[in-house]
C-alpha atoms as a PDB file:
ATOM      1  CA  UNK A   1       1.446 -10.559  18.565  1.00  0.00           C
ATOM      2  CA  UNK A   2       2.691  -7.126  19.398  1.00  0.00           C
ATOM      3  CA  UNK A   3       5.272  -6.851  16.399  1.00  0.00           C
ATOM      4  CA  UNK A   4       1.964  -7.629  14.243  1.00  0.00           C
ATOM      5  CA  UNK A   5      -0.345  -4.880  16.116  1.00  0.00           C
ATOM      6  CA  UNK A   6       2.519  -2.151  15.846  1.00  0.00           C
ATOM      7  CA  UNK A   7       3.390  -2.811  12.240  1.00  0.00           C
ATOM      8  CA  UNK A   8      -0.535  -2.704  11.342  1.00  0.00           C
ATOM      9  CA  UNK A   9      -0.673   1.059  12.844  1.00  0.00           C
ATOM     10  CA  UNK A  10       3.221   2.005  12.048  1.00  0.00           C
ATOM     11  CA  UNK A  11       2.489   1.440   8.910  1.00  0.00           C
ATOM     12  CA  UNK A  12      -0.099   4.300   8.034  1.00  0.00           C
ATOM     13  CA  UNK A  13       1.700   6.813  10.280  1.00  0.00           C
ATOM     14  CA  UNK A  14       5.143   5.676   8.213  1.00  0.00           C
ATOM     15  CA  UNK A  15       3.552   6.195   5.106  1.00  0.00           C
ATOM     16  CA  UNK A  16       0.926   9.276   5.364  1.00  0.00           C
ATOM     17  CA  UNK A  17       4.224  10.959   7.912  1.00  0.00           C
ATOM     18  CA  UNK A  18       6.392  10.973   4.023  1.00  0.00           C
ATOM     19  CA  UNK A  19       3.707  13.629   3.134  1.00  0.00           C
ATOM     20  CA  UNK A  20       5.028  16.303   5.463  1.00  0.00           C
ATOM     21  CA  UNK A  21       9.014  15.506   4.725  1.00  0.00           C
ATOM     22  CA  UNK A  22       8.796  14.207   1.138  1.00  0.00           C
ATOM     23  CA  UNK A  23      12.581  14.339   0.436  1.00  0.00           C
ATOM     24  CA  UNK A  24      13.903  13.662   4.080  1.00  0.00           C
ATOM     25  CA  UNK A  25      14.841   9.834   2.115  1.00  0.00           C
ATOM     26  CA  UNK A  26      15.002  10.095  -0.996  1.00  0.00           C
ATOM     27  CA  UNK A  27      13.121   8.571  -3.976  1.00  0.00           C
ATOM     28  CA  UNK A  28      11.876   6.216  -1.038  1.00  0.00           C
ATOM     29  CA  UNK A  29       9.778   8.945   0.041  1.00  0.00           C
ATOM     30  CA  UNK A  30       8.844  10.752  -3.265  1.00  0.00           C
ATOM     31  CA  UNK A  31       6.766   7.550  -3.553  1.00  0.00           C
ATOM     32  CA  UNK A  32       4.507   7.508  -0.933  1.00  0.00           C
ATOM     33  CA  UNK A  33       3.826  11.320  -1.701  1.00  0.00           C
ATOM     34  CA  UNK A  34       2.716  10.528  -5.154  1.00  0.00           C
ATOM     35  CA  UNK A  35       0.608   8.163  -3.700  1.00  0.00           C
ATOM     36  CA  UNK A  36      -1.383  10.493  -0.766  1.00  0.00           C
ATOM     37  CA  UNK A  37      -1.575  13.348  -3.461  1.00  0.00           C
ATOM     38  CA  UNK A  38      -3.234  10.505  -5.915  1.00  0.00           C
ATOM     39  CA  UNK A  39      -5.667   9.447  -2.923  1.00  0.00           C
ATOM     40  CA  UNK A  40      -7.319  12.629  -3.127  1.00  0.00           C
ATOM     41  CA  UNK A  41      -7.236  13.376  -6.150  1.00  0.00           C
ATOM     42  CA  UNK A  42      -9.057  10.026  -6.294  1.00  0.00           C
ATOM     43  CA  UNK A  43     -10.953  10.704  -3.207  1.00  0.00           C
ATOM     44  CA  UNK A  44     -11.757  14.544  -4.691  1.00  0.00           C
ATOM     45  CA  UNK A  45     -13.404  12.783  -8.225  1.00  0.00           C
ATOM     46  CA  UNK A  46     -15.087  10.540  -6.192  1.00  0.00           C
ATOM     47  CA  UNK A  47     -16.883  12.317  -3.851  1.00  0.00           C
ATOM     48  CA  UNK A  48     -17.744  15.106  -7.408  1.00  0.00           C
ATOM     49  CA  UNK A  49     -19.147  11.881  -9.476  1.00  0.00           C
ATOM     50  CA  UNK A  50     -21.475  10.413  -5.680  1.00  0.00           C
ATOM     51  CA  UNK A  51     -19.621   6.695  -6.889  1.00  0.00           C
ATOM     52  CA  UNK A  52     -19.975   4.221  -3.521  1.00  0.00           C
ATOM     53  CA  UNK A  53     -18.759   1.568  -5.931  1.00  0.00           C
ATOM     54  CA  UNK A  54     -14.901   3.274  -5.175  1.00  0.00           C
ATOM     55  CA  UNK A  55     -15.053   2.136  -1.972  1.00  0.00           C
ATOM     56  CA  UNK A  56     -13.927  -1.282  -3.238  1.00  0.00           C
ATOM     57  CA  UNK A  57     -10.265  -0.124  -3.288  1.00  0.00           C
ATOM     58  CA  UNK A  58     -10.390  -0.720   0.548  1.00  0.00           C
ATOM     59  CA  UNK A  59     -10.008  -4.427  -0.339  1.00  0.00           C
ATOM     60  CA  UNK A  60      -6.383  -3.876  -1.833  1.00  0.00           C
ATOM     61  CA  UNK A  61      -5.343  -1.013   1.536  1.00  0.00           C
ATOM     62  CA  UNK A  62      -6.828  -4.223   3.474  1.00  0.00           C
ATOM     63  CA  UNK A  63      -4.602  -6.662   1.688  1.00  0.00           C
ATOM     64  CA  UNK A  64      -1.426  -4.550   2.366  1.00  0.00           C
ATOM     65  CA  UNK A  65      -2.365  -4.025   6.014  1.00  0.00           C
ATOM     66  CA  UNK A  66      -2.904  -8.404   6.497  1.00  0.00           C
ATOM     67  CA  UNK A  67       0.646  -8.042   5.123  1.00  0.00           C
ATOM     68  CA  UNK A  68       2.159  -6.038   7.216  1.00  0.00           C
ATOM     69  CA  UNK A  69       0.875  -7.587  10.187  1.00  0.00           C
ATOM     70  CA  UNK A  70       1.767 -11.497   8.842  1.00  0.00           C
ATOM     71  CA  UNK A  71       5.204  -9.997   8.487  1.00  0.00           C
ATOM     72  CA  UNK A  72       5.098  -8.455  11.992  1.00  0.00           C
ATOM     73  CA  UNK A  73       3.371 -11.930  13.692  1.00  0.00           C
ATOM     74  CA  UNK A  74       6.740 -13.546  11.579  1.00  0.00           C
ATOM     75  CA  UNK A  75       9.630 -11.276  11.935  1.00  0.00           C
ATOM     76  CA  UNK A  76      12.644 -12.199  11.191  1.00  0.00           C
ATOM     77  CA  UNK A  77      11.535 -15.729  10.256  1.00  0.00           C
ATOM     78  CA  UNK A  78      12.400 -15.882   6.719  1.00  0.00           C
ATOM     79  CA  UNK A  79      16.167 -14.116   6.944  1.00  0.00           C
ATOM     80  CA  UNK A  80      18.098 -12.683   3.877  1.00  0.00           C
ATOM     81  CA  UNK A  81      15.736 -12.958   0.311  1.00  0.00           C
ATOM     82  CA  UNK A  82      13.466 -15.547   1.096  1.00  0.00           C
ATOM     83  CA  UNK A  83      10.777 -13.432   1.195  1.00  0.00           C
ATOM     84  CA  UNK A  84      11.226 -12.321  -1.891  1.00  0.00           C
ATOM     85  CA  UNK A  85       8.846 -14.384  -4.207  1.00  0.00           C
ATOM     86  CA  UNK A  86       6.186 -14.617  -1.577  1.00  0.00           C
ATOM     87  CA  UNK A  87       6.122 -10.545  -2.070  1.00  0.00           C
ATOM     88  CA  UNK A  88       6.811 -10.401  -5.553  1.00  0.00           C
ATOM     89  CA  UNK A  89       3.341 -12.789  -5.903  1.00  0.00           C
ATOM     90  CA  UNK A  90       2.057 -10.162  -3.495  1.00  0.00           C
ATOM     91  CA  UNK A  91       2.564  -7.312  -5.306  1.00  0.00           C
ATOM     92  CA  UNK A  92       1.215  -9.221  -8.840  1.00  0.00           C
ATOM     93  CA  UNK A  93      -2.059  -9.912  -6.668  1.00  0.00           C
ATOM     94  CA  UNK A  94      -2.012  -6.197  -5.902  1.00  0.00           C
ATOM     95  CA  UNK A  95      -1.501  -4.979  -9.938  1.00  0.00           C
ATOM     96  CA  UNK A  96      -3.933  -7.977 -10.991  1.00  0.00           C
ATOM     97  CA  UNK A  97      -6.928  -6.475  -8.398  1.00  0.00           C
ATOM     98  CA  UNK A  98      -6.443  -2.942  -8.874  1.00  0.00           C
ATOM     99  CA  UNK A  99      -6.596  -3.390 -12.838  1.00  0.00           C
ATOM    100  CA  UNK A 100      -9.572  -5.489 -12.319  1.00  0.00           C
ATOM    101  CA  UNK A 101     -10.946  -2.503 -10.335  1.00  0.00           C
ATOM    102  CA  UNK A 102     -10.055   0.428 -12.917  1.00  0.00           C
ATOM    103  CA  UNK A 103     -11.659  -2.762 -15.404  1.00  0.00           C
ATOM    104  CA  UNK A 104     -14.991  -2.677 -13.183  1.00  0.00           C
ATOM    105  CA  UNK A 105     -15.309   1.093 -12.503  1.00  0.00           C
ATOM    106  CA  UNK A 106     -16.547   1.918 -15.813  1.00  0.00           C
ATOM    107  CA  UNK A 107     -18.146   5.761 -15.555  1.00  0.00           C
ATOM    108  CA  UNK A 108     -15.375   6.345 -12.581  1.00  0.00           C
ATOM    109  CA  UNK A 109     -12.251   5.262 -14.433  1.00  0.00           C
ATOM    110  CA  UNK A 110     -10.520   8.570 -13.771  1.00  0.00           C
ATOM    111  CA  UNK A 111     -11.052   8.230 -10.021  1.00  0.00           C
ATOM    112  CA  UNK A 112     -10.316   4.367  -9.665  1.00  0.00           C
ATOM    113  CA  UNK A 113      -6.879   4.876 -11.799  1.00  0.00           C
ATOM    114  CA  UNK A 114      -6.129   7.861  -9.009  1.00  0.00           C
ATOM    115  CA  UNK A 115      -7.154   5.236  -6.141  1.00  0.00           C
ATOM    116  CA  UNK A 116      -4.952   2.317  -7.827  1.00  0.00           C
ATOM    117  CA  UNK A 117      -1.849   4.471  -7.843  1.00  0.00           C
ATOM    118  CA  UNK A 118      -2.271   5.080  -4.255  1.00  0.00           C
ATOM    119  CA  UNK A 119      -3.069   1.644  -3.649  1.00  0.00           C
ATOM    120  CA  UNK A 120      -0.115   0.383  -5.362  1.00  0.00           C
ATOM    121  CA  UNK A 121       2.107   3.050  -3.938  1.00  0.00           C
ATOM    122  CA  UNK A 122       0.758   2.062  -0.714  1.00  0.00           C
ATOM    123  CA  UNK A 123       1.483  -1.910  -1.201  1.00  0.00           C
ATOM    124  CA  UNK A 124       4.767  -0.996  -2.212  1.00  0.00           C
ATOM    125  CA  UNK A 125       5.163   0.778   0.860  1.00  0.00           C
ATOM    126  CA  UNK A 126       3.956  -2.235   2.459  1.00  0.00           C
ATOM    127  CA  UNK A 127       6.243  -4.806   0.410  1.00  0.00           C
ATOM    128  CA  UNK A 128       9.219  -2.606   1.920  1.00  0.00           C
ATOM    129  CA  UNK A 129       8.174  -2.605   5.343  1.00  0.00           C
ATOM    130  CA  UNK A 130       7.085  -5.828   4.926  1.00  0.00           C
ATOM    131  CA  UNK A 131      10.348  -7.204   3.776  1.00  0.00           C
ATOM    132  CA  UNK A 132      12.427  -5.389   6.401  1.00  0.00           C
ATOM    133  CA  UNK A 133      10.225  -7.224   9.316  1.00  0.00           C
ATOM    134  CA  UNK A 134      10.341 -10.931   7.592  1.00  0.00           C
ATOM    135  CA  UNK A 135      14.208 -10.768   7.686  1.00  0.00           C
ATOM    136  CA  UNK A 136      14.247  -8.700  10.827  1.00  0.00           C
ATOM    137  CA  UNK A 137      17.085  -6.022   9.204  1.00  0.00           C
ATOM    138  CA  UNK A 138      16.046  -2.577   9.790  1.00  0.00           C
ATOM    139  CA  UNK A 139      16.550   0.220   7.479  1.00  0.00           C
END
């Protein structure tokens, strides 16, 4: 249980720390930096447009947090590439969800698209961390 709580708090810390050092891990750290910039753009556009429906983008964020918490609780339980299919399903679900949110948010699609980029980069980072946790093989 301790690993689930640890990863729940570590994921956002690791994700947002890449913005301060975007090239420390090469391409791996530029993806979160792109997501953070998209988050800033999406929040700015959302505040300008005063669109409360953009709060729906907390759902994909919460799903990513849930994934790493489950991965923390199951640390080392899925050796090798056995976590590949569940993580691909998670990413597919995420893509469908953010595409639906962009479609649903008529009138705020610019902000929704920016927040979708953030959600997808965060989900990709969460899937990477979850994969490492499931196999207990860390970079």
